C-alpha atoms as a PDB file:
ATOM      1  CA  MET A   1     -89.590  49.876 -56.359  1.00  0.00           C
ATOM      2  CA  GLN A   2     -91.191  47.374 -53.990  1.00  0.00           C
ATOM      3  CA  LYS A   3     -88.777  45.952 -51.429  1.00  0.00           C
ATOM      4  CA  ILE A   4     -88.324  42.164 -51.660  1.00  0.00           C
ATOM      5  CA  ALA A   5     -89.268  40.354 -48.443  1.00  0.00           C
ATOM      6  CA  GLN A   6     -86.210  38.726 -46.889  1.00  0.00           C
ATOM      7  CA  THR A   7     -87.110  37.754 -43.317  1.00  0.00           C
ATOM      8  CA  VAL A   8     -87.527  34.052 -42.628  1.00  0.00           C
ATOM      9  CA  VAL A   9     -89.272  33.026 -39.418  1.00  0.00           C
ATOM     10  CA  ILE A  10     -88.075  29.748 -37.863  1.00  0.00           C
ATOM     11  CA  LEU A  11     -90.672  28.012 -35.680  1.00  0.00           C
ATOM     12  CA  GLY A  12     -89.427  25.226 -33.420  1.00  0.00           C
ATOM     13  CA  THR A  13     -91.573  22.268 -32.387  1.00  0.00           C
ATOM     14  CA  GLY A  14     -88.908  19.833 -31.107  1.00  0.00           C
ATOM     15  CA  GLY A  15     -88.119  16.474 -32.703  1.00  0.00           C
ATOM     16  CA  THR A  16     -84.882  14.616 -33.380  1.00  0.00           C
ATOM     17  CA  ILE A  17     -83.333  17.704 -34.942  1.00  0.00           C
ATOM     18  CA  ALA A  18     -83.443  19.148 -31.403  1.00  0.00           C
ATOM     19  CA  GLY A  19     -82.506  15.865 -29.715  1.00  0.00           C
ATOM     20  CA  THR A  20     -79.433  14.910 -27.712  1.00  0.00           C
ATOM     21  CA  ALA A  21     -77.653  11.675 -26.799  1.00  0.00           C
ATOM     22  CA  LYS A  22     -75.030  10.941 -24.146  1.00  0.00           C
ATOM     23  CA  ASP A  23     -72.789   9.318 -26.766  1.00  0.00           C
ATOM     24  CA  ALA A  24     -72.063  11.156 -30.020  1.00  0.00           C
ATOM     25  CA  ALA A  25     -71.905   7.794 -31.807  1.00  0.00           C
ATOM     26  CA  ASP A  26     -75.466   6.922 -30.732  1.00  0.00           C
ATOM     27  CA  ASN A  27     -77.968   7.804 -33.465  1.00  0.00           C
ATOM     28  CA  VAL A  28     -80.977   5.974 -32.005  1.00  0.00           C
ATOM     29  CA  GLY A  29     -80.715   6.094 -28.194  1.00  0.00           C
ATOM     30  CA  TYR A  30     -81.316   9.831 -27.934  1.00  0.00           C
ATOM     31  CA  THR A  31     -83.940  12.010 -26.293  1.00  0.00           C
ATOM     32  CA  ALA A  32     -85.869  14.197 -28.721  1.00  0.00           C
ATOM     33  CA  ALA A  33     -86.746  17.874 -28.216  1.00  0.00           C
ATOM     34  CA  GLN A  34     -83.952  18.964 -25.858  1.00  0.00           C
ATOM     35  CA  ILE A  35     -82.503  21.952 -27.725  1.00  0.00           C
ATOM     36  CA  GLY A  36     -84.320  25.210 -28.414  1.00  0.00           C
ATOM     37  CA  VAL A  37     -84.754  26.602 -31.916  1.00  0.00           C
ATOM     38  CA  ALA A  38     -82.423  29.557 -31.214  1.00  0.00           C
ATOM     39  CA  GLN A  39     -79.663  27.084 -30.321  1.00  0.00           C
ATOM     40  CA  LEU A  40     -80.311  25.144 -33.522  1.00  0.00           C
ATOM     41  CA  LEU A  41     -79.808  28.312 -35.564  1.00  0.00           C
ATOM     42  CA  ALA A  42     -76.615  29.175 -33.687  1.00  0.00           C
ATOM     43  CA  ALA A  43     -75.171  25.798 -34.724  1.00  0.00           C
ATOM     44  CA  VAL A  44     -75.323  26.768 -38.433  1.00  0.00           C
ATOM     45  CA  PRO A  45     -72.581  29.366 -39.098  1.00  0.00           C
ATOM     46  CA  ALA A  46     -73.842  30.013 -42.644  1.00  0.00           C
ATOM     47  CA  LEU A  47     -77.054  31.459 -41.176  1.00  0.00           C
ATOM     48  CA  ALA A  48     -75.246  34.054 -39.072  1.00  0.00           C
ATOM     49  CA  GLY A  49     -76.148  37.615 -40.020  1.00  0.00           C
ATOM     50  CA  GLN A  50     -79.184  36.619 -42.074  1.00  0.00           C
ATOM     51  CA  ALA A  51     -82.629  38.153 -41.549  1.00  0.00           C
ATOM     52  CA  LEU A  52     -84.034  35.427 -39.320  1.00  0.00           C
ATOM     53  CA  GLU A  53     -86.453  35.309 -36.401  1.00  0.00           C
ATOM     54  CA  ALA A  54     -86.870  32.335 -34.077  1.00  0.00           C
ATOM     55  CA  GLU A  55     -89.894  31.293 -32.032  1.00  0.00           C
ATOM     56  CA  GLN A  56     -90.538  28.150 -29.992  1.00  0.00           C
ATOM     57  CA  VAL A  57     -94.090  26.927 -30.623  1.00  0.00           C
ATOM     58  CA  SER A  58     -93.691  23.603 -28.801  1.00  0.00           C
ATOM     59  CA  GLN A  59     -90.958  21.242 -27.623  1.00  0.00           C
ATOM     60  CA  ILE A  60     -92.058  17.636 -28.141  1.00  0.00           C
ATOM     61  CA  ASP A  61     -91.118  14.336 -29.692  1.00  0.00           C
ATOM     62  CA  SER A  62     -93.256  14.417 -32.845  1.00  0.00           C
ATOM     63  CA  LYS A  63     -94.752  11.000 -32.088  1.00  0.00           C
ATOM     64  CA  ASP A  64     -96.792  12.954 -29.524  1.00  0.00           C
ATOM     65  CA  MET A  65     -98.074  15.590 -31.966  1.00  0.00           C
ATOM     66  CA  GLY A  66    -101.730  16.491 -31.502  1.00  0.00           C
ATOM     67  CA  PHE A  67    -104.537  18.898 -32.308  1.00  0.00           C
ATOM     68  CA  VAL A  68    -103.572  21.539 -29.706  1.00  0.00           C
ATOM     69  CA  ILE A  69    -100.144  22.061 -31.249  1.00  0.00           C
ATOM     70  CA  TRP A  70    -101.479  21.766 -34.801  1.00  0.00           C
ATOM     71  CA  ARG A  71    -103.909  24.613 -34.176  1.00  0.00           C
ATOM     72  CA  ALA A  72    -101.303  26.772 -32.422  1.00  0.00           C
ATOM     73  CA  LEU A  73     -98.816  26.151 -35.208  1.00  0.00           C
ATOM     74  CA  ALA A  74    -101.330  26.952 -37.956  1.00  0.00           C
ATOM     75  CA  LEU A  75    -102.280  30.221 -36.243  1.00  0.00           C
ATOM     76  CA  CYS A  76     -98.635  31.178 -35.720  1.00  0.00           C
ATOM     77  CA  VAL A  77     -97.676  30.419 -39.323  1.00  0.00           C
ATOM     78  CA  SER A  78    -100.686  32.361 -40.618  1.00  0.00           C
ATOM     79  CA  GLN A  79     -99.833  35.420 -38.524  1.00  0.00           C
ATOM     80  CA  HIS A  80     -96.210  35.513 -39.668  1.00  0.00           C
ATOM     81  CA  LEU A  81     -97.065  34.985 -43.345  1.00  0.00           C
ATOM     82  CA  ALA A  82     -99.351  38.020 -43.180  1.00  0.00           C
ATOM     83  CA  ARG A  83     -96.349  40.244 -42.410  1.00  0.00           C
ATOM     84  CA  PRO A  84     -95.081  41.908 -45.625  1.00  0.00           C
ATOM     85  CA  GLU A  85     -91.421  41.648 -44.629  1.00  0.00           C
ATOM     86  CA  VAL A  86     -91.631  37.854 -44.188  1.00  0.00           C
ATOM     87  CA  ALA A  87     -90.522  35.830 -47.216  1.00  0.00           C
ATOM     88  CA  GLY A  88     -91.439  32.467 -45.717  1.00  0.00           C
ATOM     89  CA  VAL A  89     -91.639  30.310 -42.614  1.00  0.00           C
ATOM     90  CA  VAL A  90     -89.530  27.290 -41.629  1.00  0.00           C
ATOM     91  CA  VAL A  91     -90.839  24.764 -39.097  1.00  0.00           C
ATOM     92  CA  THR A  92     -88.390  22.424 -37.381  1.00  0.00           C
ATOM     93  CA  HIS A  93     -90.210  19.169 -36.675  1.00  0.00           C
ATOM     94  CA  GLY A  94     -89.735  15.531 -35.775  1.00  0.00           C
ATOM     95  CA  THR A  95     -89.750  13.022 -38.619  1.00  0.00           C
ATOM     96  CA  ASP A  96     -92.359  10.645 -37.155  1.00  0.00           C
ATOM     97  CA  THR A  97     -95.393  12.805 -37.934  1.00  0.00           C
ATOM     98  CA  LEU A  98     -93.863  15.386 -40.267  1.00  0.00           C
ATOM     99  CA  GLU A  99     -95.928  14.170 -43.232  1.00  0.00           C
ATOM    100  CA  GLU A 100     -99.125  14.603 -41.220  1.00  0.00           C
ATOM    101  CA  THR A 101     -98.318  18.136 -40.057  1.00  0.00           C
ATOM    102  CA  ALA A 102     -97.246  19.124 -43.572  1.00  0.00           C
ATOM    103  CA  TYR A 103    -100.484  17.860 -45.119  1.00  0.00           C
ATOM    104  CA  PHE A 104    -102.560  19.484 -42.372  1.00  0.00           C
ATOM    105  CA  LEU A 105    -100.905  22.893 -42.818  1.00  0.00           C
ATOM    106  CA  GLN A 106    -101.277  22.775 -46.598  1.00  0.00           C
ATOM    107  CA  ARG A 107    -104.969  21.922 -46.403  1.00  0.00           C
ATOM    108  CA  VAL A 108    -105.715  24.479 -43.692  1.00  0.00           C
ATOM    109  CA  LEU A 109    -103.595  27.356 -45.014  1.00  0.00           C
ATOM    110  CA  ALA A 110    -102.777  26.707 -48.701  1.00  0.00           C
ATOM    111  CA  PRO A 111    -100.257  29.553 -48.300  1.00  0.00           C
ATOM    112  CA  HIS A 112     -99.113  31.846 -51.100  1.00  0.00           C
ATOM    113  CA  LYS A 113     -95.693  32.103 -49.432  1.00  0.00           C
ATOM    114  CA  PRO A 114     -93.491  29.074 -48.703  1.00  0.00           C
ATOM    115  CA  VAL A 115     -93.875  27.145 -45.465  1.00  0.00           C
ATOM    116  CA  VAL A 116     -90.989  24.706 -45.153  1.00  0.00           C
ATOM    117  CA  LEU A 117     -90.902  21.804 -42.717  1.00  0.00           C
ATOM    118  CA  THR A 118     -87.498  20.361 -41.984  1.00  0.00           C
ATOM    119  CA  ALA A 119     -86.193  17.724 -39.612  1.00  0.00           C
ATOM    120  CA  ALA A 120     -83.315  15.341 -38.945  1.00  0.00           C
ATOM    121  CA  MET A 121     -82.788  11.617 -38.701  1.00  0.00           C
ATOM    122  CA  ARG A 122     -79.870  12.051 -36.293  1.00  0.00           C
ATOM    123  CA  PRO A 123     -79.793  14.051 -33.056  1.00  0.00           C
ATOM    124  CA  ALA A 124     -77.945  17.357 -32.786  1.00  0.00           C
ATOM    125  CA  THR A 125     -75.154  15.658 -30.805  1.00  0.00           C
ATOM    126  CA  ALA A 126     -74.365  13.080 -33.547  1.00  0.00           C
ATOM    127  CA  LEU A 127     -70.890  12.904 -35.085  1.00  0.00           C
ATOM    128  CA  LEU A 128     -72.415  13.719 -38.468  1.00  0.00           C
ATOM    129  CA  ALA A 129     -75.686  15.430 -37.633  1.00  0.00           C
ATOM    130  CA  ASP A 130     -77.937  16.078 -40.629  1.00  0.00           C
ATOM    131  CA  GLY A 131     -80.024  18.783 -38.981  1.00  0.00           C
ATOM    132  CA  PRO A 132     -77.774  21.802 -39.709  1.00  0.00           C
ATOM    133  CA  GLN A 133     -77.645  21.175 -43.480  1.00  0.00           C
ATOM    134  CA  ASN A 134     -81.388  20.484 -43.609  1.00  0.00           C
ATOM    135  CA  LEU A 135     -82.076  23.731 -41.751  1.00  0.00           C
ATOM    136  CA  LEU A 136     -79.802  25.694 -44.062  1.00  0.00           C
ATOM    137  CA  ASP A 137     -81.497  24.194 -47.135  1.00  0.00           C
ATOM    138  CA  ALA A 138     -84.925  24.956 -45.676  1.00  0.00           C
ATOM    139  CA  VAL A 139     -84.055  28.638 -45.313  1.00  0.00           C
ATOM    140  CA  VAL A 140     -82.911  28.683 -48.948  1.00  0.00           C
ATOM    141  CA  VAL A 141     -86.293  27.321 -50.060  1.00  0.00           C
ATOM    142  CA  ALA A 142     -88.228  29.670 -47.756  1.00  0.00           C
ATOM    143  CA  ARG A 143     -86.516  32.650 -49.385  1.00  0.00           C
ATOM    144  CA  SER A 144     -86.831  31.392 -52.981  1.00  0.00           C
ATOM    145  CA  GLN A 145     -88.655  33.738 -55.353  1.00  0.00           C
ATOM    146  CA  GLY A 146     -91.937  32.267 -56.588  1.00  0.00           C
ATOM    147  CA  ALA A 147     -92.053  29.492 -53.993  1.00  0.00           C
ATOM    148  CA  SER A 148     -95.405  28.838 -52.323  1.00  0.00           C
ATOM    149  CA  GLY A 149     -97.323  26.215 -50.410  1.00  0.00           C
ATOM    150  CA  VAL A 150     -96.155  23.794 -47.740  1.00  0.00           C
ATOM    151  CA  VAL A 151     -93.132  21.640 -48.520  1.00  0.00           C
ATOM    152  CA  ALA A 152     -90.702  19.414 -46.647  1.00  0.00           C
ATOM    153  CA  VAL A 153     -86.948  19.776 -47.133  1.00  0.00           C
ATOM    154  CA  LEU A 154     -84.693  16.890 -46.108  1.00  0.00           C
ATOM    155  CA  ALA A 155     -81.494  15.355 -47.477  1.00  0.00           C
ATOM    156  CA  GLY A 156     -81.333  17.947 -50.250  1.00  0.00           C
ATOM    157  CA  GLU A 157     -84.819  17.140 -51.593  1.00  0.00           C
ATOM    158  CA  VAL A 158     -87.951  19.291 -51.619  1.00  0.00           C
ATOM    159  CA  HIS A 159     -91.217  17.357 -51.261  1.00  0.00           C
ATOM    160  CA  SER A 160     -94.776  18.630 -51.630  1.00  0.00           C
ATOM    161  CA  ALA A 161     -96.905  18.427 -48.491  1.00  0.00           C
ATOM    162  CA  LEU A 162     -99.518  16.698 -50.630  1.00  0.00           C
ATOM    163  CA  ASP A 163     -97.176  13.815 -51.454  1.00  0.00           C
ATOM    164  CA  VAL A 164     -94.454  13.528 -48.813  1.00  0.00           C
ATOM    165  CA  ARG A 165     -94.183  10.411 -46.692  1.00  0.00           C
ATOM    166  CA  LYS A 166     -91.539   8.817 -44.481  1.00  0.00           C
ATOM    167  CA  THR A 167     -90.153   5.770 -46.260  1.00  0.00           C
ATOM    168  CA  HIS A 168     -87.332   4.567 -44.025  1.00  0.00           C
ATOM    169  CA  THR A 169     -86.780   4.130 -40.303  1.00  0.00           C
ATOM    170  CA  TYR A 170     -83.100   5.110 -40.123  1.00  0.00           C
ATOM    171  CA  ARG A 171     -81.441   6.364 -43.326  1.00  0.00           C
ATOM    172  CA  LEU A 172     -80.711  10.065 -43.771  1.00  0.00           C
ATOM    173  CA  ALA A 173     -82.686  10.084 -47.034  1.00  0.00           C
ATOM    174  CA  ALA A 174     -85.792   8.824 -45.270  1.00  0.00           C
ATOM    175  CA  PHE A 175     -88.501  10.703 -47.184  1.00  0.00           C
ATOM    176  CA  GLY A 176     -90.069  10.378 -50.614  1.00  0.00           C
ATOM    177  CA  SER A 177     -93.060  11.548 -52.628  1.00  0.00           C
ATOM    178  CA  GLY A 178     -94.321   8.271 -54.049  1.00  0.00           C
ATOM    179  CA  ASP A 179     -95.220   8.285 -57.741  1.00  0.00           C
ATOM    180  CA  ALA A 180     -95.120  12.101 -57.895  1.00  0.00           C
ATOM    181  CA  GLY A 181     -91.431  12.490 -57.090  1.00  0.00           C
ATOM    182  CA  ALA A 182     -89.687  15.422 -55.438  1.00  0.00           C
ATOM    183  CA  ILE A 183     -90.537  19.003 -56.401  1.00  0.00           C
ATOM    184  CA  ALA A 184     -86.911  20.133 -56.409  1.00  0.00           C
ATOM    185  CA  GLN A 185     -83.389  19.660 -55.138  1.00  0.00           C
ATOM    186  CA  VAL A 186     -81.275  22.091 -53.148  1.00  0.00           C
ATOM    187  CA  GLU A 187     -77.743  22.058 -54.548  1.00  0.00           C
ATOM    188  CA  GLN A 188     -75.051  24.233 -52.972  1.00  0.00           C
ATOM    189  CA  GLY A 189     -77.573  26.786 -51.844  1.00  0.00           C
ATOM    190  CA  ARG A 190     -79.469  26.878 -55.124  1.00  0.00           C
ATOM    191  CA  LEU A 191     -82.865  25.463 -55.974  1.00  0.00           C
ATOM    192  CA  ARG A 192     -83.333  23.211 -59.017  1.00  0.00           C
ATOM    193  CA  ARG A 193     -87.063  22.735 -59.508  1.00  0.00           C
ATOM    194  CA  HIS A 194     -88.747  19.864 -61.376  1.00  0.00           C
ATOM    195  CA  ARG A 195     -92.472  20.544 -60.969  1.00  0.00           C
ATOM    196  CA  SER A 196     -95.034  22.935 -59.535  1.00  0.00           C
ATOM    197  CA  TRP A 197     -95.414  24.011 -55.936  1.00  0.00           C
ATOM    198  CA  PRO A 198     -98.322  22.407 -54.029  1.00  0.00           C
ATOM    199  CA  GLN A 199    -101.785  23.889 -54.489  1.00  0.00           C
ATOM    200  CA  SER A 200    -105.050  23.088 -52.728  1.00  0.00           C
ATOM    201  CA  GLU A 201    -108.153  24.671 -51.253  1.00  0.00           C
ATOM    202  CA  ALA A 202    -107.751  26.132 -47.754  1.00  0.00           C
ATOM    203  CA  LEU A 203    -110.117  25.286 -44.912  1.00  0.00           C
ATOM    204  CA  GLY A 204    -108.922  28.311 -42.920  1.00  0.00           C
ATOM    205  CA  VAL A 205    -107.578  28.464 -39.369  1.00  0.00           C
ATOM    206  CA  ASP A 206    -110.812  30.046 -38.137  1.00  0.00           C
ATOM    207  CA  ARG A 207    -112.553  26.686 -38.621  1.00  0.00           C
ATOM    208  CA  LEU A 208    -110.270  24.924 -36.127  1.00  0.00           C
ATOM    209  CA  PRO A 209    -111.931  24.601 -32.690  1.00  0.00           C
ATOM    210  CA  GLU A 210    -109.843  25.709 -29.723  1.00  0.00           C
ATOM    211  CA  ASP A 211    -111.421  22.929 -27.679  1.00  0.00           C
ATOM    212  CA  VAL A 212    -109.724  19.679 -28.696  1.00  0.00           C
ATOM    213  CA  ALA A 213    -112.826  17.735 -27.665  1.00  0.00           C
ATOM    214  CA  ALA A 214    -114.712  19.470 -30.477  1.00  0.00           C
ATOM    215  CA  TRP A 215    -112.411  18.055 -33.167  1.00  0.00           C
ATOM    216  CA  PRO A 216    -113.941  15.090 -35.029  1.00  0.00           C
ATOM    217  CA  ARG A 217    -112.758  11.665 -33.893  1.00  0.00           C
ATOM    218  CA  VAL A 218    -111.425   9.739 -36.887  1.00  0.00           C
ATOM    219  CA  GLU A 219    -109.389   6.553 -36.548  1.00  0.00           C
ATOM    220  CA  ILE A 220    -107.400   4.291 -38.890  1.00  0.00           C
ATOM    221  CA  VAL A 221    -108.087   0.552 -39.010  1.00  0.00           C
ATOM    222  CA  THR A 222    -105.712  -1.790 -40.834  1.00  0.00           C
ATOM    223  CA  SER A 223    -106.890  -4.826 -42.795  1.00  0.00           C
ATOM    224  CA  HIS A 224    -104.659  -7.843 -42.300  1.00  0.00           C
ATOM    225  CA  ALA A 225    -104.779 -11.612 -42.111  1.00  0.00           C
ATOM    226  CA  GLY A 226    -107.262 -12.565 -39.421  1.00  0.00           C
ATOM    227  CA  SER A 227    -109.026  -9.183 -39.284  1.00  0.00           C
ATOM    228  CA  GLY A 228    -112.405  -9.106 -37.613  1.00  0.00           C
ATOM    229  CA  ALA A 229    -115.304  -6.844 -36.712  1.00  0.00           C
ATOM    230  CA  GLY A 230    -114.259  -6.227 -33.093  1.00  0.00           C
ATOM    231  CA  ILE A 231    -112.185  -3.105 -33.655  1.00  0.00           C
ATOM    232  CA  VAL A 232    -114.972  -1.403 -35.637  1.00  0.00           C
ATOM    233  CA  THR A 233    -117.503  -2.322 -32.953  1.00  0.00           C
ATOM    234  CA  ALA A 234    -115.245  -0.839 -30.278  1.00  0.00           C
ATOM    235  CA  LEU A 235    -114.695   2.378 -32.247  1.00  0.00           C
ATOM    236  CA  ARG A 236    -118.413   2.825 -32.776  1.00  0.00           C
ATOM    237  CA  ARG A 237    -118.960   2.332 -29.059  1.00  0.00           C
ATOM    238  CA  ILE A 238    -116.627   5.221 -28.164  1.00  0.00           C
ATOM    239  CA  GLY A 239    -118.309   7.515 -30.680  1.00  0.00           C
ATOM    240  CA  VAL A 240    -115.929   7.886 -33.605  1.00  0.00           C
ATOM    241  CA  GLN A 241    -117.310   9.881 -36.522  1.00  0.00           C
ATOM    242  CA  GLY A 242    -115.206   8.323 -39.233  1.00  0.00           C
ATOM    243  CA  ILE A 243    -112.895   5.430 -40.035  1.00  0.00           C
ATOM    244  CA  VAL A 244    -110.120   5.188 -42.603  1.00  0.00           C
ATOM    245  CA  ALA A 245    -109.436   1.628 -43.678  1.00  0.00           C
ATOM    246  CA  ALA A 246    -105.775   0.995 -44.463  1.00  0.00           C
ATOM    247  CA  CYS A 247    -106.479  -1.761 -46.953  1.00  0.00           C
ATOM    248  CA  THR A 248    -104.384  -4.451 -48.540  1.00  0.00           C
ATOM    249  CA  GLY A 249    -103.467  -3.997 -52.205  1.00  0.00           C
ATOM    250  CA  ASN A 250    -105.878  -1.960 -54.302  1.00  0.00           C
ATOM    251  CA  GLY A 251    -108.281  -1.234 -51.464  1.00  0.00           C
ATOM    252  CA  THR A 252    -109.192  -4.817 -50.570  1.00  0.00           C
ATOM    253  CA  LEU A 253    -110.510  -5.778 -47.135  1.00  0.00           C
ATOM    254  CA  HIS A 254    -110.834  -8.937 -45.069  1.00  0.00           C
ATOM    255  CA  HIS A 255    -114.474  -9.959 -45.481  1.00  0.00           C
ATOM    256  CA  GLU A 256    -115.276  -9.711 -41.760  1.00  0.00           C
ATOM    257  CA  LEU A 257    -113.784  -6.240 -41.475  1.00  0.00           C
ATOM    258  CA  GLU A 258    -115.523  -5.142 -44.670  1.00  0.00           C
ATOM    259  CA  ALA A 259    -118.899  -6.290 -43.342  1.00  0.00           C
ATOM    260  CA  ALA A 260    -118.369  -4.309 -40.131  1.00  0.00           C
ATOM    261  CA  LEU A 261    -117.355  -1.192 -42.069  1.00  0.00           C
ATOM    262  CA  LEU A 262    -120.390  -1.458 -44.353  1.00  0.00           C
ATOM    263  CA  GLU A 263    -122.621  -1.711 -41.292  1.00  0.00           C
ATOM    264  CA  ALA A 264    -120.925   1.338 -39.753  1.00  0.00           C
ATOM    265  CA  GLN A 265    -121.366   3.294 -42.982  1.00  0.00           C
ATOM    266  CA  ALA A 266    -125.055   2.400 -43.083  1.00  0.00           C
ATOM    267  CA  ALA A 267    -125.332   3.725 -39.514  1.00  0.00           C
ATOM    268  CA  GLY A 268    -123.993   7.129 -40.607  1.00  0.00           C
ATOM    269  CA  LEU A 269    -120.229   6.906 -40.052  1.00  0.00           C
ATOM    270  CA  ARG A 270    -117.901   8.173 -42.757  1.00  0.00           C
ATOM    271  CA  ILE A 271    -115.767   5.370 -44.158  1.00  0.00           C
ATOM    272  CA  VAL A 272    -113.057   5.592 -46.791  1.00  0.00           C
ATOM    273  CA  ARG A 273    -110.602   3.050 -48.205  1.00  0.00           C
ATOM    274  CA  SER A 274    -106.903   3.847 -48.513  1.00  0.00           C
ATOM    275  CA  SER A 275    -104.055   1.401 -49.064  1.00  0.00           C
ATOM    276  CA  ARG A 276    -101.343   0.270 -46.714  1.00  0.00           C
ATOM    277  CA  CYS A 277     -99.046  -0.102 -49.767  1.00  0.00           C
ATOM    278  CA  LEU A 278     -96.193   2.387 -49.961  1.00  0.00           C
ATOM    279  CA  GLY A 279     -97.039   3.508 -53.496  1.00  0.00           C
ATOM    280  CA  GLY A 280     -99.986   3.755 -55.836  1.00  0.00           C
ATOM    281  CA  ALA A 281    -103.637   4.763 -55.471  1.00  0.00           C
ATOM    282  CA  VAL A 282    -106.822   2.870 -54.677  1.00  0.00           C
ATOM    283  CA  ILE A 283    -108.412   2.619 -58.114  1.00  0.00           C
ATOM    284  CA  ALA A 284    -112.167   2.446 -57.675  1.00  0.00           C
ATOM    285  CA  SER A 285    -114.278  -0.027 -59.640  1.00  0.00           C
ATOM    286  CA  ALA A 286    -118.010  -0.375 -60.227  1.00  0.00           C
ATOM    287  CA  GLY A 287    -120.107  -1.814 -57.453  1.00  0.00           C
ATOM    288  CA  GLN A 288    -117.844  -0.906 -54.532  1.00  0.00           C
ATOM    289  CA  ALA A 289    -119.914   0.439 -51.639  1.00  0.00           C
ATOM    290  CA  LEU A 290    -117.012   1.885 -49.623  1.00  0.00           C
ATOM    291  CA  PRO A 291    -115.498   4.994 -51.251  1.00  0.00           C
ATOM    292  CA  SER A 292    -111.845   5.222 -52.280  1.00  0.00           C
ATOM    293  CA  ALA A 293    -109.353   7.742 -50.905  1.00  0.00           C
ATOM    294  CA  GLY A 294    -107.557   7.725 -54.237  1.00  0.00           C
ATOM    295  CA  ALA A 295    -103.833   8.369 -53.848  1.00  0.00           C
ATOM    296  CA  LEU A 296    -104.103   9.614 -50.254  1.00  0.00           C
ATOM    297  CA  THR A 297    -102.129   7.660 -47.690  1.00  0.00           C
ATOM    298  CA  PRO A 298    -104.074   6.473 -44.623  1.00  0.00           C
ATOM    299  CA  VAL A 299    -102.815   9.392 -42.505  1.00  0.00           C
ATOM    300  CA  GLN A 300    -103.615  11.905 -45.247  1.00  0.00           C
ATOM    301  CA  ALA A 301    -107.082  10.410 -45.683  1.00  0.00           C
ATOM    302  CA  ARG A 302    -107.639  10.730 -41.931  1.00  0.00           C
ATOM    303  CA  ILE A 303    -106.722  14.429 -41.971  1.00  0.00           C
ATOM    304  CA  GLU A 304    -108.915  14.982 -45.022  1.00  0.00           C
ATOM    305  CA  MET A 305    -111.855  13.365 -43.241  1.00  0.00           C
ATOM    306  CA  ILE A 306    -111.286  15.414 -40.071  1.00  0.00           C
ATOM    307  CA  LEU A 307    -111.283  18.645 -42.082  1.00  0.00           C
ATOM    308  CA  ALA A 308    -114.359  17.572 -44.071  1.00  0.00           C
ATOM    309  CA  LEU A 309    -116.231  16.881 -40.825  1.00  0.00           C
ATOM    310  CA  LEU A 310    -115.152  20.250 -39.426  1.00  0.00           C
ATOM    311  CA  GLU A 311    -116.358  21.988 -42.565  1.00  0.00           C
ATOM    312  CA  ALA A 312    -119.689  20.142 -42.435  1.00  0.00           C
ATOM    313  CA  GLY A 313    -120.225  21.275 -38.843  1.00  0.00           C
ATOM    314  CA  PRO A 314    -122.050  19.508 -35.998  1.00  0.00           C
ATOM    315  CA  ARG A 315    -124.580  16.865 -36.939  1.00  0.00           C
END
């Protein structure tokens, strides 16, 4: 009989879950990324004695996440998932860019084993820290039979990397999945699933350049009252290869910004329209010259464009 994989690898990257504050009652005036991943595990008694391994990949506030760490993290996750004894991988992360890292890992790896990102809205020193329960729930999901793909586990909910987004600045239940809804709930150490695990095509970690300067430059521009052409002109001047427009409503743009984006597209830049609205998709209609990103959020559309440019290779 084949032995069931039980080891869960915990990869630390920093974030609020590893943050500390001078006052235990202070949930906002903390410093992120102060506690190592091994110390985070030690703070969860229910994890004692389990088949766990801990590794520190980075130690940052996730607002500062970038391509160097993304590549290192993707390589590390890929290497651990290839080990037969590993059931899944958990990544402790900051909440600010968690949705971006989750989407990136899903699109690069599309793993057949679970990769679970978890985080906290309160620092480890808080009177009622949420990190320990989130970490415990993440390990449950990482060891669940049949689980696969990249997901985020916070406040008892399991969100697909393809849908997850941060929806609140402060509440403990700060993440949602838009129209799609959560994949599952974790209830007293058990998983109650509602829909399928995330699936997508994988770019592959071998396509990620080690040199950060070789990654495509893609920026997000927001349409708003009083928008103009200046920002697009400036981005073209510094050599961006693509622009995601975070549009109003159903992909609408201020006329001056739209004219600048059409000119940029005609000059060879990749342009795509997403929406700055929290929910819904940009529903394309006949005669629109700028393509729609569909249901992708602006940050997801940016990652998708970066990966598409990497796959296309140098021009």
